[in-house]
Amino acid sequence: MTRPSTTGHTDPTVQPVPASVVERVDAADTTLQNPKWAVVSLGANLGNRLETLQGAVDALEDTPGIRVKAVSPVYETEPWGVEPGSQPSYFNAVAVLRTTLPPSSLLERAHAVEEAFHRVRDERWGPRTLDVDIVAYAELHSDDPGLTLPHPRAHERAFVLAPWHDIDPGAQLPGRGAVADLLGAVTRDGVTPRADLELRLPE
């Protein structure tokens, strides 16, 4: 498995899209007249965090049926749900997508990108090389335990709301209301903008 580099293409996957996803993309392209919008959050607190986030953005763009339309500024965030100082801080960002992938295939691709960066799921709230979470998919509501939409905790997390608001001040989290209002109701403690860091929007 190749590793992301600092120059050129940074998609780390050897097989960019699983065959099952390709089949679903083909099916989606014939059944959906218009692509849907989706919002994904990205986080990393191990390894080269900025390079990992850029690699994830590039890998999503390289997926048939996905176009990355906007990428947020980078935030540095204290780890959630653990003792202070017990883990490195996270770099977090949000990407807005247009996609013909159905939600299940988008989730499959998100997991494939995580695995390409050696994501391990041994411990809840544990450190990880990469997190790719689907925050919202159009106006869809789903209670499926495999993919709850919108993300059940997005409305509580400044590290999701703040970067999303940066790229879309008028955004709405389905079922929860305006992102601006949700952001005003949560603390931003431990969530710091990193103006010195930047993610590139794929060309």
N, C-alpha and C. Protein backbone atom coordinates (compact mmCIF):
# COMPACT_ATOMS: atom_id res chain seq x y z
N MET A 1 0.85 -1.19 0.00
CA MET A 1 0.00 0.00 0.00
C MET A 1 0.88 1.23 0.00
N THR A 2 0.62 2.16 -0.90
CA THR A 2 1.45 3.34 -0.98
C THR A 2 1.07 4.31 0.11
N ARG A 3 1.99 5.20 0.41
CA ARG A 3 1.75 6.22 1.42
C ARG A 3 1.57 7.57 0.73
N PRO A 4 0.82 8.49 1.36
CA PRO A 4 0.65 9.80 0.75
C PRO A 4 1.97 10.54 0.73
N SER A 5 2.16 11.37 -0.28
CA SER A 5 3.38 12.17 -0.37
C SER A 5 3.00 13.63 -0.32
N THR A 6 3.99 14.47 -0.21
CA THR A 6 3.72 15.89 -0.09
C THR A 6 3.60 16.56 -1.44
N THR A 7 3.89 15.83 -2.53
CA THR A 7 3.77 16.40 -3.86
C THR A 7 2.91 15.50 -4.72
N GLY A 8 2.28 16.11 -5.75
CA GLY A 8 1.50 15.31 -6.67
C GLY A 8 0.25 14.74 -6.02
N HIS A 9 -0.22 13.63 -6.59
CA HIS A 9 -1.42 12.97 -6.10
C HIS A 9 -1.19 12.44 -4.69
N THR A 10 -2.14 12.65 -3.81
CA THR A 10 -2.00 12.15 -2.44
C THR A 10 -3.04 11.11 -2.10
N ASP A 11 -3.77 10.59 -3.07
CA ASP A 11 -4.70 9.49 -2.80
C ASP A 11 -3.88 8.26 -2.48
N PRO A 12 -4.00 7.70 -1.25
CA PRO A 12 -3.13 6.60 -0.84
C PRO A 12 -3.65 5.23 -1.24
N THR A 13 -4.82 5.14 -1.84
CA THR A 13 -5.41 3.83 -2.08
C THR A 13 -4.84 3.20 -3.33
N VAL A 14 -4.52 1.91 -3.22
CA VAL A 14 -4.02 1.17 -4.37
C VAL A 14 -5.14 0.94 -5.36
N GLN A 15 -6.28 0.46 -4.87
CA GLN A 15 -7.49 0.32 -5.69
C GLN A 15 -8.40 1.49 -5.30
N PRO A 16 -8.44 2.56 -6.11
CA PRO A 16 -9.11 3.78 -5.67
C PRO A 16 -10.55 3.57 -5.23
N VAL A 17 -11.29 2.71 -5.93
CA VAL A 17 -12.70 2.50 -5.58
C VAL A 17 -12.99 1.01 -5.61
N PRO A 18 -13.53 0.44 -4.52
CA PRO A 18 -13.91 -0.97 -4.55
C PRO A 18 -14.91 -1.25 -5.67
N ALA A 19 -14.84 -2.46 -6.23
CA ALA A 19 -15.71 -2.82 -7.35
C ALA A 19 -17.18 -2.67 -6.99
N SER A 20 -17.52 -3.00 -5.75
CA SER A 20 -18.92 -2.88 -5.35
C SER A 20 -19.40 -1.44 -5.39
N VAL A 21 -18.49 -0.50 -5.06
CA VAL A 21 -18.86 0.91 -5.11
C VAL A 21 -19.05 1.36 -6.55
N VAL A 22 -18.16 0.90 -7.45
CA VAL A 22 -18.29 1.26 -8.87
C VAL A 22 -19.65 0.83 -9.41
N GLU A 23 -20.06 -0.39 -9.06
CA GLU A 23 -21.35 -0.88 -9.53
C GLU A 23 -22.49 0.00 -9.02
N ARG A 24 -22.39 0.42 -7.77
CA ARG A 24 -23.45 1.26 -7.21
C ARG A 24 -23.43 2.65 -7.83
N VAL A 25 -22.23 3.16 -8.13
CA VAL A 25 -22.14 4.46 -8.80
C VAL A 25 -22.84 4.40 -10.15
N ASP A 26 -22.57 3.33 -10.92
CA ASP A 26 -23.21 3.18 -12.22
C ASP A 26 -24.72 3.16 -12.08
N ALA A 27 -25.20 2.43 -11.08
CA ALA A 27 -26.64 2.36 -10.85
C ALA A 27 -27.19 3.73 -10.44
N ALA A 28 -26.46 4.42 -9.57
CA ALA A 28 -26.92 5.72 -9.10
C ALA A 28 -26.97 6.73 -10.23
N ASP A 29 -25.99 6.68 -11.13
CA ASP A 29 -25.94 7.62 -12.23
C ASP A 29 -27.15 7.48 -13.16
N THR A 30 -27.72 6.29 -13.22
CA THR A 30 -28.87 6.08 -14.11
C THR A 30 -30.19 6.35 -13.41
N THR A 31 -30.18 6.42 -12.08
CA THR A 31 -31.43 6.59 -11.36
C THR A 31 -31.57 7.98 -10.74
N LEU A 32 -30.47 8.70 -10.54
CA LEU A 32 -30.53 10.03 -9.96
C LEU A 32 -30.33 11.06 -11.06
N GLN A 33 -31.31 11.95 -11.20
CA GLN A 33 -31.18 12.99 -12.22
C GLN A 33 -30.19 14.07 -11.79
N ASN A 34 -30.11 14.31 -10.50
CA ASN A 34 -29.23 15.35 -9.99
C ASN A 34 -28.41 14.82 -8.83
N PRO A 35 -27.16 15.24 -8.73
CA PRO A 35 -26.36 14.82 -7.57
C PRO A 35 -26.91 15.44 -6.29
N LYS A 36 -26.62 14.78 -5.19
CA LYS A 36 -27.02 15.26 -3.87
C LYS A 36 -25.82 15.94 -3.21
N TRP A 37 -26.10 16.84 -2.27
CA TRP A 37 -25.01 17.41 -1.49
C TRP A 37 -24.81 16.57 -0.23
N ALA A 38 -23.58 16.54 0.22
CA ALA A 38 -23.25 15.84 1.47
C ALA A 38 -22.14 16.62 2.16
N VAL A 39 -22.10 16.50 3.46
CA VAL A 39 -21.07 17.14 4.26
C VAL A 39 -20.34 16.06 5.04
N VAL A 40 -19.01 16.07 4.96
CA VAL A 40 -18.21 15.11 5.72
C VAL A 40 -17.23 15.87 6.60
N SER A 41 -17.00 15.33 7.78
CA SER A 41 -15.98 15.89 8.67
C SER A 41 -14.75 15.01 8.63
N LEU A 42 -13.60 15.64 8.74
CA LEU A 42 -12.31 14.96 8.69
C LEU A 42 -11.52 15.29 9.93
N GLY A 43 -10.87 14.29 10.51
CA GLY A 43 -10.05 14.52 11.69
C GLY A 43 -8.88 13.57 11.74
N ALA A 44 -7.76 14.04 12.29
CA ALA A 44 -6.56 13.21 12.43
C ALA A 44 -5.76 13.72 13.62
N ASN A 45 -5.27 12.77 14.45
CA ASN A 45 -4.38 13.20 15.53
C ASN A 45 -3.14 12.32 15.67
N LEU A 46 -2.84 11.54 14.65
CA LEU A 46 -1.60 10.76 14.61
C LEU A 46 -0.89 11.00 13.29
N GLY A 47 0.42 10.92 13.30
CA GLY A 47 1.20 11.07 12.08
C GLY A 47 1.19 12.50 11.58
N ASN A 48 1.39 12.65 10.27
CA ASN A 48 1.37 13.96 9.64
C ASN A 48 -0.08 14.34 9.40
N ARG A 49 -0.64 15.08 10.35
CA ARG A 49 -2.08 15.31 10.37
C ARG A 49 -2.56 16.11 9.14
N LEU A 50 -1.85 17.16 8.78
CA LEU A 50 -2.27 17.97 7.64
C LEU A 50 -2.18 17.17 6.35
N GLU A 51 -1.10 16.44 6.16
CA GLU A 51 -0.95 15.62 4.96
C GLU A 51 -2.04 14.57 4.88
N THR A 52 -2.39 14.00 6.02
CA THR A 52 -3.46 13.00 6.04
C THR A 52 -4.79 13.60 5.62
N LEU A 53 -5.12 14.78 6.15
CA LEU A 53 -6.38 15.41 5.76
C LEU A 53 -6.40 15.74 4.27
N GLN A 54 -5.27 16.24 3.76
CA GLN A 54 -5.22 16.53 2.33
C GLN A 54 -5.37 15.25 1.51
N GLY A 55 -4.73 14.18 1.96
CA GLY A 55 -4.87 12.91 1.27
C GLY A 55 -6.30 12.42 1.25
N ALA A 56 -7.03 12.64 2.35
CA ALA A 56 -8.43 12.23 2.40
C ALA A 56 -9.28 13.04 1.43
N VAL A 57 -9.03 14.35 1.37
CA VAL A 57 -9.75 15.20 0.42
C VAL A 57 -9.49 14.73 -1.01
N ASP A 58 -8.23 14.46 -1.33
CA ASP A 58 -7.88 14.02 -2.68
C ASP A 58 -8.51 12.67 -3.01
N ALA A 59 -8.53 11.77 -2.02
CA ALA A 59 -9.11 10.44 -2.24
C ALA A 59 -10.60 10.53 -2.50
N LEU A 60 -11.28 11.42 -1.80
CA LEU A 60 -12.71 11.60 -2.05
C LEU A 60 -12.94 12.15 -3.46
N GLU A 61 -12.14 13.13 -3.86
CA GLU A 61 -12.28 13.70 -5.20
C GLU A 61 -12.00 12.68 -6.28
N ASP A 62 -11.10 11.73 -6.01
CA ASP A 62 -10.75 10.70 -6.99
C ASP A 62 -11.82 9.63 -7.14
N THR A 63 -12.87 9.69 -6.34
CA THR A 63 -13.92 8.69 -6.36
C THR A 63 -14.96 9.01 -7.44
N PRO A 64 -15.23 8.09 -8.36
CA PRO A 64 -16.32 8.33 -9.31
C PRO A 64 -17.63 8.60 -8.57
N GLY A 65 -18.33 9.64 -9.00
CA GLY A 65 -19.59 9.98 -8.36
C GLY A 65 -19.45 10.96 -7.22
N ILE A 66 -18.24 11.45 -6.94
CA ILE A 66 -18.03 12.45 -5.89
C ILE A 66 -17.24 13.62 -6.46
N ARG A 67 -17.68 14.82 -6.15
CA ARG A 67 -16.90 16.02 -6.41
C ARG A 67 -16.83 16.84 -5.13
N VAL A 68 -15.62 17.20 -4.75
CA VAL A 68 -15.41 18.03 -3.57
C VAL A 68 -15.61 19.48 -3.98
N LYS A 69 -16.63 20.12 -3.45
CA LYS A 69 -16.98 21.48 -3.86
C LYS A 69 -16.38 22.55 -2.96
N ALA A 70 -16.10 22.22 -1.71
CA ALA A 70 -15.53 23.19 -0.78
C ALA A 70 -14.80 22.46 0.33
N VAL A 71 -13.71 23.05 0.78
CA VAL A 71 -12.95 22.52 1.90
C VAL A 71 -12.72 23.65 2.90
N SER A 72 -12.97 23.36 4.16
CA SER A 72 -12.92 24.39 5.19
C SER A 72 -11.49 24.72 5.60
N PRO A 73 -11.32 25.80 6.36
CA PRO A 73 -10.07 26.00 7.08
C PRO A 73 -9.83 24.87 8.07
N VAL A 74 -8.60 24.77 8.53
CA VAL A 74 -8.21 23.73 9.49
C VAL A 74 -8.34 24.27 10.91
N TYR A 75 -8.85 23.42 11.79
CA TYR A 75 -8.93 23.73 13.22
C TYR A 75 -8.10 22.72 13.99
N GLU A 76 -7.51 23.17 15.09
CA GLU A 76 -6.83 22.26 16.01
C GLU A 76 -7.72 22.09 17.23
N THR A 77 -7.96 20.84 17.61
CA THR A 77 -8.99 20.52 18.60
C THR A 77 -8.44 19.58 19.66
N GLU A 78 -8.74 19.88 20.89
CA GLU A 78 -8.40 18.95 21.96
C GLU A 78 -9.24 17.69 21.81
N PRO A 79 -8.66 16.50 22.07
CA PRO A 79 -9.42 15.25 21.89
C PRO A 79 -10.70 15.22 22.71
N TRP A 80 -11.71 14.62 22.14
CA TRP A 80 -13.06 14.55 22.71
C TRP A 80 -13.17 13.31 23.59
N GLY A 81 -13.70 13.46 24.81
CA GLY A 81 -14.06 12.32 25.63
C GLY A 81 -12.92 11.61 26.33
N VAL A 82 -11.73 12.26 26.41
CA VAL A 82 -10.58 11.64 27.07
C VAL A 82 -9.95 12.63 28.04
N GLU A 83 -9.05 12.13 28.88
CA GLU A 83 -8.36 12.99 29.83
C GLU A 83 -7.48 14.00 29.08
N PRO A 84 -7.50 15.27 29.49
CA PRO A 84 -6.65 16.27 28.84
C PRO A 84 -5.18 15.85 28.87
N GLY A 85 -4.51 16.00 27.74
CA GLY A 85 -3.10 15.66 27.64
C GLY A 85 -2.80 14.20 27.39
N SER A 86 -3.85 13.35 27.33
CA SER A 86 -3.62 11.91 27.15
C SER A 86 -3.42 11.53 25.69
N GLN A 87 -3.77 12.43 24.76
CA GLN A 87 -3.61 12.18 23.33
C GLN A 87 -3.14 13.46 22.65
N PRO A 88 -2.51 13.32 21.47
CA PRO A 88 -2.21 14.52 20.68
C PRO A 88 -3.49 15.22 20.25
N SER A 89 -3.40 16.50 19.98
CA SER A 89 -4.55 17.24 19.49
C SER A 89 -4.88 16.83 18.06
N TYR A 90 -6.12 17.10 17.67
CA TYR A 90 -6.60 16.79 16.32
C TYR A 90 -6.44 17.99 15.41
N PHE A 91 -6.27 17.71 14.12
CA PHE A 91 -6.58 18.66 13.08
C PHE A 91 -7.93 18.24 12.52
N ASN A 92 -8.83 19.21 12.40
CA ASN A 92 -10.18 18.93 11.90
C ASN A 92 -10.52 19.86 10.74
N ALA A 93 -11.35 19.36 9.84
CA ALA A 93 -11.85 20.15 8.72
C ALA A 93 -13.17 19.54 8.26
N VAL A 94 -13.85 20.26 7.39
CA VAL A 94 -15.12 19.82 6.82
C VAL A 94 -15.03 20.00 5.31
N ALA A 95 -15.60 19.06 4.58
CA ALA A 95 -15.70 19.16 3.13
C ALA A 95 -17.16 19.04 2.71
N VAL A 96 -17.54 19.86 1.74
CA VAL A 96 -18.87 19.78 1.15
C VAL A 96 -18.73 19.08 -0.20
N LEU A 97 -19.55 18.06 -0.41
CA LEU A 97 -19.48 17.23 -1.61
C LEU A 97 -20.77 17.36 -2.42
N ARG A 98 -20.64 17.08 -3.73
CA ARG A 98 -21.78 16.75 -4.57
C ARG A 98 -21.56 15.32 -5.02
N THR A 99 -22.59 14.49 -4.88
CA THR A 99 -22.37 13.07 -5.13
C THR A 99 -23.60 12.39 -5.70
N THR A 100 -23.36 11.42 -6.58
CA THR A 100 -24.42 10.52 -7.03
C THR A 100 -24.36 9.20 -6.29
N LEU A 101 -23.40 9.05 -5.39
CA LEU A 101 -23.35 7.84 -4.58
C LEU A 101 -24.51 7.82 -3.59
N PRO A 102 -25.16 6.69 -3.41
CA PRO A 102 -26.13 6.58 -2.31
C PRO A 102 -25.38 6.61 -0.98
N PRO A 103 -26.06 6.93 0.11
CA PRO A 103 -25.38 7.07 1.40
C PRO A 103 -24.55 5.85 1.79
N SER A 104 -25.06 4.64 1.54
CA SER A 104 -24.32 3.45 1.94
C SER A 104 -22.99 3.34 1.21
N SER A 105 -22.95 3.73 -0.06
CA SER A 105 -21.71 3.68 -0.82
C SER A 105 -20.76 4.79 -0.42
N LEU A 106 -21.31 5.95 -0.09
CA LEU A 106 -20.46 7.03 0.42
C LEU A 106 -19.80 6.61 1.72
N LEU A 107 -20.56 5.93 2.58
CA LEU A 107 -19.98 5.43 3.83
C LEU A 107 -18.90 4.39 3.55
N GLU A 108 -19.14 3.51 2.59
CA GLU A 108 -18.15 2.50 2.25
C GLU A 108 -16.86 3.15 1.77
N ARG A 109 -16.99 4.18 0.96
CA ARG A 109 -15.80 4.89 0.49
C ARG A 109 -15.09 5.60 1.63
N ALA A 110 -15.85 6.22 2.54
CA ALA A 110 -15.24 6.87 3.69
C ALA A 110 -14.42 5.88 4.50
N HIS A 111 -14.96 4.68 4.72
CA HIS A 111 -14.23 3.66 5.48
C HIS A 111 -12.99 3.20 4.71
N ALA A 112 -13.09 3.10 3.38
CA ALA A 112 -11.93 2.69 2.59
C ALA A 112 -10.81 3.72 2.69
N VAL A 113 -11.16 4.99 2.69
CA VAL A 113 -10.15 6.03 2.83
C VAL A 113 -9.51 5.96 4.21
N GLU A 114 -10.33 5.77 5.25
CA GLU A 114 -9.78 5.62 6.60
C GLU A 114 -8.79 4.45 6.66
N GLU A 115 -9.19 3.33 6.10
CA GLU A 115 -8.34 2.13 6.16
C GLU A 115 -7.04 2.33 5.39
N ALA A 116 -7.09 3.11 4.32
CA ALA A 116 -5.87 3.39 3.55
C ALA A 116 -4.85 4.14 4.40
N PHE A 117 -5.33 4.88 5.37
CA PHE A 117 -4.44 5.59 6.29
C PHE A 117 -4.27 4.82 7.61
N HIS A 118 -4.57 3.52 7.56
CA HIS A 118 -4.31 2.61 8.68
C HIS A 118 -5.12 2.96 9.92
N ARG A 119 -6.37 3.37 9.70
CA ARG A 119 -7.27 3.63 10.82
C ARG A 119 -7.52 2.33 11.57
N VAL A 120 -7.41 2.38 12.89
CA VAL A 120 -7.69 1.23 13.75
C VAL A 120 -8.85 1.60 14.66
N ARG A 121 -9.80 0.67 14.83
CA ARG A 121 -11.01 0.93 15.62
C ARG A 121 -11.03 0.11 16.91
N ASP A 122 -9.91 0.04 17.59
CA ASP A 122 -9.83 -0.79 18.80
C ASP A 122 -10.46 -0.13 20.01
N GLU A 123 -10.52 1.18 20.04
CA GLU A 123 -10.87 1.88 21.28
C GLU A 123 -11.76 3.08 20.96
N ARG A 124 -12.91 3.16 21.63
CA ARG A 124 -13.76 4.33 21.46
C ARG A 124 -13.04 5.56 22.00
N TRP A 125 -13.11 6.66 21.26
CA TRP A 125 -12.41 7.90 21.59
C TRP A 125 -10.89 7.74 21.52
N GLY A 126 -10.41 6.61 20.98
CA GLY A 126 -8.96 6.41 20.89
C GLY A 126 -8.35 7.29 19.81
N PRO A 127 -7.02 7.44 19.84
CA PRO A 127 -6.35 8.21 18.79
C PRO A 127 -6.52 7.52 17.45
N ARG A 128 -6.48 8.29 16.38
CA ARG A 128 -6.62 7.67 15.08
C ARG A 128 -5.91 8.51 14.02
N THR A 129 -5.42 7.77 13.03
CA THR A 129 -4.76 8.46 11.92
C THR A 129 -5.74 9.28 11.11
N LEU A 130 -7.00 8.79 11.02
CA LEU A 130 -7.98 9.50 10.20
C LEU A 130 -9.39 9.11 10.59
N ASP A 131 -10.25 10.12 10.70
CA ASP A 131 -11.68 9.96 10.87
C ASP A 131 -12.37 10.61 9.68
N VAL A 132 -13.26 9.89 9.01
CA VAL A 132 -14.09 10.47 7.95
C VAL A 132 -15.54 10.16 8.31
N ASP A 133 -16.28 11.17 8.75
CA ASP A 133 -17.66 10.98 9.19
C ASP A 133 -18.60 11.72 8.25
N ILE A 134 -19.70 11.07 7.89
CA ILE A 134 -20.74 11.75 7.12
C ILE A 134 -21.61 12.53 8.11
N VAL A 135 -21.61 13.84 7.96
CA VAL A 135 -22.37 14.71 8.86
C VAL A 135 -23.81 14.81 8.39
N ALA A 136 -24.01 15.00 7.09
CA ALA A 136 -25.36 15.13 6.54
C ALA A 136 -25.33 14.71 5.07
N TYR A 137 -26.47 14.21 4.61
CA TYR A 137 -26.63 13.82 3.21
C TYR A 137 -27.97 14.37 2.75
N ALA A 138 -27.90 15.47 1.97
CA ALA A 138 -29.12 16.17 1.54
C ALA A 138 -30.02 16.41 2.76
N GLU A 139 -31.31 16.15 2.60
CA GLU A 139 -32.23 16.33 3.73
C GLU A 139 -32.58 14.99 4.37
N LEU A 140 -31.79 13.98 4.08
CA LEU A 140 -32.12 12.62 4.50
C LEU A 140 -32.04 12.46 6.01
N HIS A 141 -33.04 11.78 6.55
CA HIS A 141 -33.04 11.37 7.96
C HIS A 141 -33.04 9.85 7.98
N SER A 142 -32.14 9.26 8.77
CA SER A 142 -32.05 7.81 8.86
C SER A 142 -31.67 7.41 10.27
N ASP A 143 -32.39 6.41 10.80
CA ASP A 143 -32.06 5.86 12.12
C ASP A 143 -31.32 4.54 12.00
N ASP A 144 -30.86 4.23 10.82
CA ASP A 144 -30.09 3.01 10.61
C ASP A 144 -28.86 3.04 11.52
N PRO A 145 -28.66 2.02 12.39
CA PRO A 145 -27.50 2.05 13.29
C PRO A 145 -26.17 2.03 12.55
N GLY A 146 -26.18 1.56 11.31
CA GLY A 146 -24.94 1.56 10.53
C GLY A 146 -24.59 2.93 9.99
N LEU A 147 -25.59 3.79 9.80
CA LEU A 147 -25.36 5.15 9.31
C LEU A 147 -26.55 6.00 9.71
N THR A 148 -26.43 6.65 10.86
CA THR A 148 -27.47 7.56 11.32
C THR A 148 -27.26 8.92 10.68
N LEU A 149 -28.31 9.45 10.07
CA LEU A 149 -28.23 10.74 9.38
C LEU A 149 -29.36 11.65 9.83
N PRO A 150 -29.01 12.93 10.05
CA PRO A 150 -27.66 13.49 10.16
C PRO A 150 -26.88 12.84 11.30
N HIS A 151 -25.58 13.10 11.35
CA HIS A 151 -24.76 12.54 12.41
C HIS A 151 -25.36 12.93 13.76
N PRO A 152 -25.54 11.96 14.66
CA PRO A 152 -26.31 12.24 15.88
C PRO A 152 -25.66 13.20 16.85
N ARG A 153 -24.36 13.49 16.70
CA ARG A 153 -23.71 14.40 17.64
C ARG A 153 -23.12 15.63 16.97
N ALA A 154 -23.37 15.79 15.67
CA ALA A 154 -22.78 16.93 14.96
C ALA A 154 -23.22 18.26 15.56
N HIS A 155 -24.46 18.34 16.02
CA HIS A 155 -24.98 19.61 16.53
C HIS A 155 -24.32 20.03 17.84
N GLU A 156 -23.56 19.13 18.47
CA GLU A 156 -22.91 19.42 19.74
C GLU A 156 -21.43 19.73 19.58
N ARG A 157 -20.90 19.63 18.39
CA ARG A 157 -19.45 19.62 18.20
C ARG A 157 -18.98 20.86 17.45
N ALA A 158 -18.29 21.73 18.17
CA ALA A 158 -17.77 22.94 17.55
C ALA A 158 -16.75 22.62 16.47
N PHE A 159 -16.04 21.48 16.61
CA PHE A 159 -15.03 21.17 15.60
C PHE A 159 -15.65 20.70 14.29
N VAL A 160 -16.94 20.46 14.28
CA VAL A 160 -17.68 20.22 13.04
C VAL A 160 -18.39 21.51 12.61
N LEU A 161 -19.08 22.15 13.54
CA LEU A 161 -19.90 23.32 13.21
C LEU A 161 -19.07 24.51 12.77
N ALA A 162 -17.94 24.78 13.45
CA ALA A 162 -17.15 25.97 13.12
C ALA A 162 -16.58 25.92 11.70
N PRO A 163 -15.90 24.84 11.31
CA PRO A 163 -15.41 24.81 9.92
C PRO A 163 -16.51 24.77 8.88
N TRP A 164 -17.62 24.11 9.18
CA TRP A 164 -18.75 24.08 8.25
C TRP A 164 -19.30 25.49 8.06
N HIS A 165 -19.46 26.21 9.16
CA HIS A 165 -19.95 27.59 9.09
C HIS A 165 -19.00 28.48 8.29
N ASP A 166 -17.71 28.23 8.40
CA ASP A 166 -16.74 29.04 7.66
C ASP A 166 -16.96 28.97 6.15
N ILE A 167 -17.31 27.79 5.64
CA ILE A 167 -17.45 27.65 4.18
C ILE A 167 -18.89 27.81 3.72
N ASP A 168 -19.84 27.77 4.65
CA ASP A 168 -21.25 27.95 4.29
C ASP A 168 -22.00 28.57 5.46
N PRO A 169 -21.91 29.91 5.60
CA PRO A 169 -22.53 30.56 6.76
C PRO A 169 -24.03 30.35 6.85
N GLY A 170 -24.68 30.05 5.73
CA GLY A 170 -26.12 29.83 5.75
C GLY A 170 -26.53 28.38 5.86
N ALA A 171 -25.57 27.49 6.16
CA ALA A 171 -25.85 26.05 6.18
C ALA A 171 -26.90 25.69 7.23
N GLN A 172 -27.64 24.64 6.92
CA GLN A 172 -28.64 24.08 7.83
C GLN A 172 -28.29 22.62 8.10
N LEU A 173 -28.33 22.23 9.36
CA LEU A 173 -28.20 20.82 9.72
C LEU A 173 -29.61 20.24 9.78
N PRO A 174 -29.95 19.33 8.89
CA PRO A 174 -31.34 18.85 8.81
C PRO A 174 -31.86 18.37 10.18
N GLY A 175 -33.03 18.88 10.52
CA GLY A 175 -33.66 18.50 11.77
C GLY A 175 -33.17 19.26 12.98
N ARG A 176 -32.08 20.04 12.81
CA ARG A 176 -31.50 20.77 13.96
C ARG A 176 -31.51 22.28 13.78
N GLY A 177 -31.57 22.74 12.53
CA GLY A 177 -31.61 24.17 12.30
C GLY A 177 -30.32 24.73 11.75
N ALA A 178 -30.21 26.05 11.84
CA ALA A 178 -29.07 26.75 11.25
C ALA A 178 -27.78 26.39 11.98
N VAL A 179 -26.75 26.13 11.19
CA VAL A 179 -25.44 25.83 11.78
C VAL A 179 -24.95 27.01 12.60
N ALA A 180 -25.21 28.24 12.14
CA ALA A 180 -24.79 29.43 12.89
C ALA A 180 -25.40 29.44 14.29
N ASP A 181 -26.68 29.09 14.40
CA ASP A 181 -27.34 29.08 15.70
C ASP A 181 -26.80 27.94 16.58
N LEU A 182 -26.60 26.79 15.98
CA LEU A 182 -26.06 25.66 16.73
C LEU A 182 -24.66 25.98 17.25
N LEU A 183 -23.86 26.63 16.41
CA LEU A 183 -22.50 26.99 16.82
C LEU A 183 -22.53 27.99 17.97
N GLY A 184 -23.49 28.90 17.94
CA GLY A 184 -23.59 29.88 19.02
C GLY A 184 -24.00 29.28 20.35
N ALA A 185 -24.53 28.06 20.31
CA ALA A 185 -25.02 27.42 21.54
C ALA A 185 -24.01 26.46 22.16
N VAL A 186 -22.86 26.24 21.52
CA VAL A 186 -21.87 25.32 22.06
C VAL A 186 -20.58 26.08 22.38
N THR A 187 -19.78 25.49 23.23
CA THR A 187 -18.51 26.11 23.56
C THR A 187 -17.48 25.85 22.48
N ARG A 188 -16.63 26.85 22.25
CA ARG A 188 -15.51 26.67 21.32
C ARG A 188 -14.21 26.42 22.07
N ASP A 189 -14.28 26.21 23.36
CA ASP A 189 -13.07 25.94 24.14
C ASP A 189 -12.36 24.72 23.57
N GLY A 190 -11.05 24.84 23.35
CA GLY A 190 -10.27 23.74 22.83
C GLY A 190 -10.38 23.54 21.34
N VAL A 191 -11.07 24.46 20.65
CA VAL A 191 -11.23 24.37 19.19
C VAL A 191 -10.65 25.66 18.60
N THR A 192 -9.45 25.57 18.02
CA THR A 192 -8.68 26.75 17.64
C THR A 192 -8.45 26.79 16.13
N PRO A 193 -8.81 27.89 15.46
CA PRO A 193 -8.52 27.99 14.03
C PRO A 193 -7.01 28.06 13.80
N ARG A 194 -6.55 27.38 12.75
CA ARG A 194 -5.14 27.39 12.39
C ARG A 194 -4.99 28.10 11.05
N ALA A 195 -4.88 29.42 11.13
CA ALA A 195 -4.77 30.23 9.92
C ALA A 195 -3.48 29.97 9.16
N ASP A 196 -2.50 29.35 9.82
CA ASP A 196 -1.22 29.06 9.17
C ASP A 196 -1.27 27.79 8.33
N LEU A 197 -2.38 27.05 8.40
CA LEU A 197 -2.50 25.78 7.68
C LEU A 197 -3.62 25.89 6.65
N GLU A 198 -3.48 25.16 5.56
CA GLU A 198 -4.48 25.24 4.50
C GLU A 198 -4.59 23.91 3.77
N LEU A 199 -5.82 23.53 3.48
CA LEU A 199 -6.08 22.37 2.62
C LEU A 199 -6.43 22.87 1.22
N ARG A 200 -5.93 22.19 0.22
CA ARG A 200 -6.17 22.58 -1.17
C ARG A 200 -7.45 21.92 -1.69
N LEU A 201 -8.24 22.68 -2.40
CA LEU A 201 -9.37 22.11 -3.11
C LEU A 201 -8.84 21.41 -4.36
N PRO A 202 -9.18 20.14 -4.56
CA PRO A 202 -8.66 19.43 -5.73
C PRO A 202 -9.01 20.15 -7.02
N GLU A 203 -8.10 20.11 -7.97
CA GLU A 203 -8.30 20.78 -9.26
C GLU A 203 -9.18 19.93 -10.17
